[in-house]
Amino acid sequence: MAGGKTVHEVTPLAPGLYLVATPIGAARDITLRALDVLASADVLAAEDTRTLRHLMEIHGIALGNRPLVACHDHNEAQTSPRLVQAIAEGKSVAYASEAGTPMVSDPGFPLARAVIAVGQKVTAAPGPSAALCALMVAGLPTDRFVFAGFPPSQKSARRSFLQELAAIEATLVLYESPKRINQMLQDCCEILGDGRTMALCRELTKRFEEVIRGSLAEVRQAIADRDLKGEIVLVIGRGAAVAVDAATIGAALYRALEEMSVKDAAAAVAEAFDLPRREVYQMALQRTKP
């Protein structure tokens, strides 16, 4: 409250979907515009309704009699038509991730696509993102970067995933679970090269925020005996351009064929190394011959 008035004035919003970025840690990181949208939307939807309700309470925003709808990975396909219908009826719908930016390794994509498909408005209220926050503190080049999300949890799939990233001349940004971080760094050392510079960013904007910088080998060694907790973002510096020889392509195909069909494996490897798909497909066929 300020001067007897609510800080966040409730003003009518045009019908449409409003994608609201929410804090990844510190509650005060939310933008004033995001708060205005949360105060004004006719319908609120959230990845975690308890988290959004708590955030609104912190900032003095009343839910009132407005609907608060859970919309997450497990029910988004079923919930989206209901929210699209609300927009078609002239209502404004605000959607918030549990933490961070909707659709950036968070739900929201099917909902946004559904709203766009019927010709309705989609608006962003931008704000916190763990990936961008990590880039800011990592101390690595940001002129060209690739956000790759979460690597596969299965080892062979994860190694194929990293092999595709190895050829990209850009800073890499990935999320990883504390349970798999040691295995992930081992694979990174072997596939990306243990001399690449990196930063392991943990619990960004929270009380126990930590950034560990060094080479892949050094960071791996630094956490080897630790039981890390919390959200982890890996920022890995670009490697030098590497000439691709037949052995490198063959190794990538071998890993890809463990998880994919011949056609899909050839397509993935051809794209990763910028090679003609027909040539890589012929190599894959040779590898699968009895």
Protein backbone atom coordinates (compact mmCIF):
# COMPACT_ATOMS: atom_id res chain seq x y z
CA MET A 1 0.00 0.00 0.00
CA ALA A 2 1.19 3.56 -0.69
CA GLY A 3 -0.83 6.66 0.19
CA GLY A 4 -3.92 4.54 0.75
CA LYS A 5 -3.82 3.14 -2.78
CA THR A 6 -2.74 -0.25 -4.10
CA VAL A 7 0.72 0.02 -5.68
CA HIS A 8 -0.35 -2.10 -8.66
CA GLU A 9 -3.31 -0.47 -10.32
CA VAL A 10 -5.79 -2.80 -11.96
CA THR A 11 -6.27 -1.72 -15.57
CA PRO A 12 -8.18 -3.63 -18.26
CA LEU A 13 -6.04 -5.80 -20.54
CA ALA A 14 -6.91 -6.57 -24.14
CA PRO A 15 -7.99 -10.19 -24.74
CA GLY A 16 -5.05 -12.49 -25.27
CA LEU A 17 -2.34 -14.54 -23.62
CA TYR A 18 0.26 -12.77 -21.47
CA LEU A 19 3.40 -14.84 -20.80
CA VAL A 20 4.84 -13.66 -17.48
CA ALA A 21 8.44 -14.27 -16.42
CA THR A 22 8.79 -14.80 -12.66
CA PRO A 23 11.80 -14.69 -10.30
CA ILE A 24 14.22 -17.62 -10.26
CA GLY A 25 15.10 -16.80 -6.66
CA ALA A 26 14.83 -13.29 -5.25
CA ALA A 27 11.16 -12.28 -5.23
CA ARG A 28 12.02 -8.63 -5.92
CA ASP A 29 13.42 -9.52 -9.35
CA ILE A 30 9.95 -9.47 -10.89
CA THR A 31 9.23 -6.51 -13.15
CA LEU A 32 6.63 -3.84 -12.43
CA ARG A 33 4.90 -4.66 -15.71
CA ALA A 34 4.66 -8.34 -14.75
CA LEU A 35 3.02 -7.33 -11.48
CA ASP A 36 0.56 -5.09 -13.34
CA VAL A 37 -0.36 -7.99 -15.64
CA LEU A 38 -0.88 -10.34 -12.67
CA ALA A 39 -3.05 -7.71 -10.98
CA SER A 40 -5.15 -7.07 -14.08
CA ALA A 41 -5.62 -10.36 -15.96
CA ASP A 42 -9.09 -11.90 -15.97
CA VAL A 43 -7.70 -15.43 -15.67
CA LEU A 44 -4.44 -16.58 -14.10
CA ALA A 45 -2.69 -19.79 -15.14
CA ALA A 46 0.48 -21.16 -13.63
CA GLU A 47 2.91 -24.05 -13.78
CA ASP A 48 2.58 -24.16 -9.97
CA THR A 49 -0.44 -22.37 -8.55
CA ARG A 50 0.95 -22.37 -5.01
CA THR A 51 4.14 -20.62 -6.11
CA LEU A 52 2.25 -17.97 -8.06
CA ARG A 53 -0.22 -17.39 -5.23
CA HIS A 54 2.70 -16.92 -2.80
CA LEU A 55 4.46 -14.50 -5.18
CA MET A 56 1.29 -12.44 -5.51
CA GLU A 57 0.89 -12.35 -1.72
CA ILE A 58 4.47 -11.09 -1.33
CA HIS A 59 3.74 -8.22 -3.70
CA GLY A 60 0.29 -7.41 -2.37
CA ILE A 61 -1.72 -8.60 -5.35
CA ALA A 62 -5.14 -10.01 -4.50
CA LEU A 63 -6.43 -13.00 -6.44
CA GLY A 64 -10.01 -12.07 -5.60
CA ASN A 65 -12.58 -14.20 -7.37
CA ARG A 66 -10.44 -14.68 -10.49
CA PRO A 67 -9.79 -18.25 -11.67
CA LEU A 68 -6.31 -19.66 -10.96
CA VAL A 69 -5.66 -22.61 -13.28
CA ALA A 70 -2.84 -25.15 -13.04
CA CYS A 71 -1.13 -25.59 -16.44
CA HIS A 72 2.00 -27.73 -16.50
CA ASP A 73 3.77 -30.46 -18.48
CA HIS A 74 1.32 -33.16 -17.40
CA ASN A 75 -1.94 -31.37 -18.22
CA GLU A 76 -1.12 -28.57 -20.68
CA ALA A 77 -2.71 -30.36 -23.64
CA GLN A 78 -5.98 -30.71 -21.71
CA THR A 79 -5.89 -27.24 -20.12
CA SER A 80 -4.98 -25.19 -23.21
CA PRO A 81 -8.41 -25.45 -24.93
CA ARG A 82 -10.07 -24.10 -21.80
CA LEU A 83 -7.73 -21.10 -21.72
CA VAL A 84 -8.05 -20.51 -25.47
CA GLN A 85 -11.84 -20.48 -25.04
CA ALA A 86 -11.54 -17.88 -22.29
CA ILE A 87 -9.54 -15.64 -24.63
CA ALA A 88 -12.09 -16.18 -27.42
CA GLU A 89 -14.74 -14.95 -24.98
CA GLY A 90 -12.83 -11.67 -24.60
CA LYS A 91 -10.77 -12.40 -21.50
CA SER A 92 -7.11 -11.79 -20.76
CA VAL A 93 -5.10 -14.79 -19.55
CA ALA A 94 -1.77 -14.45 -17.72
CA TYR A 95 0.47 -17.52 -17.68
CA ALA A 96 3.47 -17.80 -15.31
CA SER A 97 6.18 -20.41 -14.94
CA GLU A 98 7.08 -21.67 -11.49
CA ALA A 99 10.34 -19.76 -11.91
CA GLY A 100 11.84 -18.04 -14.92
CA THR A 101 10.50 -17.51 -18.41
CA PRO A 102 7.67 -19.59 -19.90
CA MET A 103 8.77 -21.90 -22.74
CA VAL A 104 12.48 -21.68 -21.88
CA SER A 105 12.74 -25.26 -20.57
CA ASP A 106 9.35 -24.57 -18.97
CA PRO A 107 5.75 -25.21 -20.02
CA GLY A 108 3.85 -22.74 -22.19
CA PHE A 109 4.68 -23.77 -25.76
CA PRO A 110 1.51 -25.80 -26.51
CA LEU A 111 -0.61 -23.05 -24.95
CA ALA A 112 1.06 -20.26 -26.93
CA ARG A 113 0.81 -22.27 -30.16
CA ALA A 114 -2.87 -22.93 -29.56
CA VAL A 115 -3.57 -19.23 -28.99
CA ILE A 116 -1.60 -18.22 -32.09
CA ALA A 117 -3.38 -20.87 -34.17
CA VAL A 118 -6.77 -19.24 -33.56
CA GLY A 119 -5.43 -15.78 -34.38
CA GLN A 120 -5.40 -14.39 -30.86
CA LYS A 121 -2.79 -12.11 -29.31
CA VAL A 122 0.27 -13.41 -27.46
CA THR A 123 2.28 -10.89 -25.42
CA ALA A 124 5.42 -11.32 -23.29
CA ALA A 125 6.09 -9.66 -19.96
CA PRO A 126 9.82 -10.45 -20.01
CA GLY A 127 12.03 -10.84 -17.00
CA PRO A 128 14.18 -13.39 -15.17
CA SER A 129 15.78 -16.31 -16.99
CA ALA A 130 18.37 -18.63 -15.46
CA ALA A 131 20.10 -19.03 -18.83
CA LEU A 132 20.60 -15.29 -19.34
CA CYS A 133 21.50 -14.74 -15.69
CA ALA A 134 24.23 -17.39 -15.99
CA LEU A 135 25.59 -15.79 -19.16
CA MET A 136 25.89 -12.49 -17.30
CA VAL A 137 28.04 -13.89 -14.49
CA ALA A 138 30.00 -16.61 -16.30
CA GLY A 139 32.63 -14.31 -17.79
CA LEU A 140 32.49 -16.04 -21.18
CA PRO A 141 31.76 -14.56 -24.64
CA THR A 142 28.09 -13.71 -25.19
CA ASP A 143 28.24 -12.44 -28.77
CA ARG A 144 27.10 -15.87 -29.96
CA PHE A 145 25.55 -18.49 -27.71
CA VAL A 146 23.35 -21.57 -27.96
CA PHE A 147 20.83 -22.51 -25.30
CA ALA A 148 20.53 -26.30 -25.39
CA GLY A 149 18.24 -26.90 -22.40
CA PHE A 150 18.49 -30.17 -20.45
CA PRO A 151 20.71 -32.92 -21.89
CA PRO A 152 19.18 -36.42 -22.15
CA SER A 153 19.46 -38.41 -18.94
CA GLN A 154 20.44 -41.66 -20.69
CA LYS A 155 24.22 -41.86 -21.19
CA SER A 156 24.43 -42.81 -24.88
CA ALA A 157 21.78 -40.24 -25.84
CA ARG A 158 23.58 -37.60 -23.79
CA ARG A 159 26.87 -38.33 -25.53
CA SER A 160 25.22 -38.06 -28.96
CA PHE A 161 23.67 -34.78 -27.85
CA LEU A 162 27.09 -33.42 -26.81
CA GLN A 163 28.68 -34.64 -30.04
CA GLU A 164 26.24 -32.49 -31.99
CA LEU A 165 27.07 -29.48 -29.81
CA ALA A 166 30.83 -30.02 -30.16
CA ALA A 167 30.86 -28.66 -33.71
CA ILE A 168 29.08 -25.42 -32.81
CA GLU A 169 31.40 -22.41 -32.50
CA ALA A 170 29.44 -20.64 -29.79
CA THR A 171 29.16 -20.46 -26.02
CA LEU A 172 26.92 -23.28 -24.83
CA VAL A 173 24.30 -22.88 -22.11
CA LEU A 174 22.74 -25.99 -20.56
CA TYR A 175 20.68 -26.93 -17.53
CA GLU A 176 21.51 -30.03 -15.50
CA SER A 177 20.27 -31.90 -12.45
CA PRO A 178 22.58 -32.10 -9.41
CA LYS A 179 22.08 -35.88 -9.52
CA ARG A 180 23.71 -36.12 -12.97
CA ILE A 181 26.21 -33.27 -12.89
CA ASN A 182 29.29 -35.44 -12.34
CA GLN A 183 28.45 -37.82 -15.19
CA MET A 184 27.61 -34.83 -17.38
CA LEU A 185 30.96 -33.14 -16.78
CA GLN A 186 32.81 -36.39 -17.43
CA ASP A 187 31.08 -36.71 -20.81
CA CYS A 188 31.77 -33.03 -21.55
CA CYS A 189 35.48 -33.52 -20.84
CA GLU A 190 35.66 -36.50 -23.17
CA ILE A 191 33.60 -35.09 -26.03
CA LEU A 192 34.03 -31.31 -25.88
CA GLY A 193 37.61 -31.36 -24.62
CA ASP A 194 38.61 -30.96 -20.98
CA GLY A 195 40.50 -27.72 -21.68
CA ARG A 196 37.42 -25.72 -22.63
CA THR A 197 36.67 -22.89 -20.21
CA MET A 198 33.35 -23.00 -18.39
CA ALA A 199 31.33 -21.76 -15.45
CA LEU A 200 29.07 -23.86 -13.27
CA CYS A 201 26.36 -21.55 -11.91
CA ARG A 202 24.28 -22.82 -9.01
CA GLU A 203 21.30 -21.35 -7.14
CA LEU A 204 21.44 -18.07 -9.06
CA THR A 205 19.91 -15.07 -7.21
CA LYS A 206 19.31 -17.25 -4.15
CA ARG A 207 21.01 -17.18 -0.75
CA PHE A 208 23.63 -19.82 -1.60
CA GLU A 209 24.45 -18.59 -5.11
CA GLU A 210 27.75 -20.00 -6.36
CA VAL A 211 29.75 -19.72 -9.58
CA ILE A 212 32.68 -22.08 -10.17
CA ARG A 213 34.89 -21.04 -13.10
CA GLY A 214 37.76 -22.84 -14.81
CA SER A 215 38.39 -25.47 -17.45
CA LEU A 216 36.00 -28.39 -17.77
CA ALA A 217 38.59 -30.59 -16.06
CA GLU A 218 39.12 -28.11 -13.21
CA VAL A 219 35.43 -27.64 -12.52
CA ARG A 220 34.85 -31.39 -12.64
CA GLN A 221 37.63 -31.88 -10.10
CA ALA A 222 36.32 -29.05 -7.90
CA ILE A 223 32.91 -30.69 -7.44
CA ALA A 224 34.00 -34.34 -7.50
CA ASP A 225 33.57 -34.84 -3.74
CA ARG A 226 30.66 -32.45 -3.23
CA ASP A 227 26.95 -33.14 -2.97
CA LEU A 228 25.60 -30.21 -4.95
CA LYS A 229 22.01 -29.11 -4.54
CA GLY A 230 19.73 -26.66 -6.30
CA GLU A 231 19.35 -25.47 -9.87
CA ILE A 232 22.49 -25.72 -12.03
CA VAL A 233 23.33 -23.88 -15.25
CA LEU A 234 26.45 -24.81 -17.22
CA VAL A 235 28.04 -22.18 -19.45
CA ILE A 236 30.74 -23.69 -21.67
CA GLY A 237 33.06 -21.64 -23.84
CA ARG A 238 33.36 -22.24 -27.53
CA GLY A 239 35.96 -24.63 -28.86
CA ALA A 240 38.28 -24.04 -31.76
CA ALA A 241 37.03 -25.05 -35.19
CA VAL A 242 37.98 -28.67 -35.79
CA ALA A 243 38.48 -30.36 -39.12
CA VAL A 244 36.03 -33.22 -39.36
CA ASP A 245 37.60 -36.50 -40.46
CA ALA A 246 35.98 -39.83 -41.26
CA ALA A 247 36.78 -41.23 -37.82
CA THR A 248 34.97 -38.35 -36.10
CA ILE A 249 31.92 -38.75 -38.33
CA GLY A 250 31.98 -42.52 -37.80
CA ALA A 251 32.11 -42.14 -34.02
CA ALA A 252 29.17 -39.74 -34.09
CA LEU A 253 27.20 -42.14 -36.28
CA TYR A 254 27.97 -45.04 -33.95
CA ARG A 255 26.51 -43.17 -31.00
CA ALA A 256 23.53 -41.84 -32.93
CA LEU A 257 22.63 -45.31 -34.27
CA GLU A 258 22.33 -46.60 -30.71
CA GLU A 259 19.31 -44.33 -30.25
CA MET A 260 17.93 -43.61 -33.72
CA SER A 261 16.96 -45.14 -37.02
CA VAL A 262 19.49 -45.06 -39.86
CA LYS A 263 17.67 -42.19 -41.54
CA ASP A 264 17.37 -40.09 -38.38
CA ALA A 265 20.94 -40.79 -37.28
CA ALA A 266 22.29 -39.75 -40.68
CA ALA A 267 20.20 -36.57 -40.63
CA ALA A 268 21.38 -35.64 -37.12
CA VAL A 269 25.07 -36.20 -37.87
CA ALA A 270 24.87 -34.45 -41.25
CA GLU A 271 23.30 -31.40 -39.61
CA ALA A 272 25.78 -31.40 -36.72
CA PHE A 273 28.81 -31.35 -39.04
CA ASP A 274 27.23 -29.44 -41.94
CA LEU A 275 27.73 -32.36 -44.35
CA PRO A 276 25.65 -33.61 -47.30
CA ARG A 277 22.92 -35.83 -45.91
CA ARG A 278 23.17 -38.37 -48.75
CA GLU A 279 26.86 -39.03 -48.05
CA VAL A 280 26.31 -39.50 -44.32
CA TYR A 281 23.32 -41.75 -45.02
CA GLN A 282 25.52 -44.01 -47.17
CA MET A 283 28.07 -44.17 -44.34
CA ALA A 284 25.30 -45.12 -41.91
CA LEU A 285 24.09 -47.87 -44.24
CA GLN A 286 27.59 -49.31 -44.40
CA ARG A 287 27.75 -49.41 -40.62
CA THR A 288 24.45 -51.28 -40.33
CA LYS A 289 25.27 -53.97 -42.89
CA PRO A 290 25.60 -57.45 -41.34
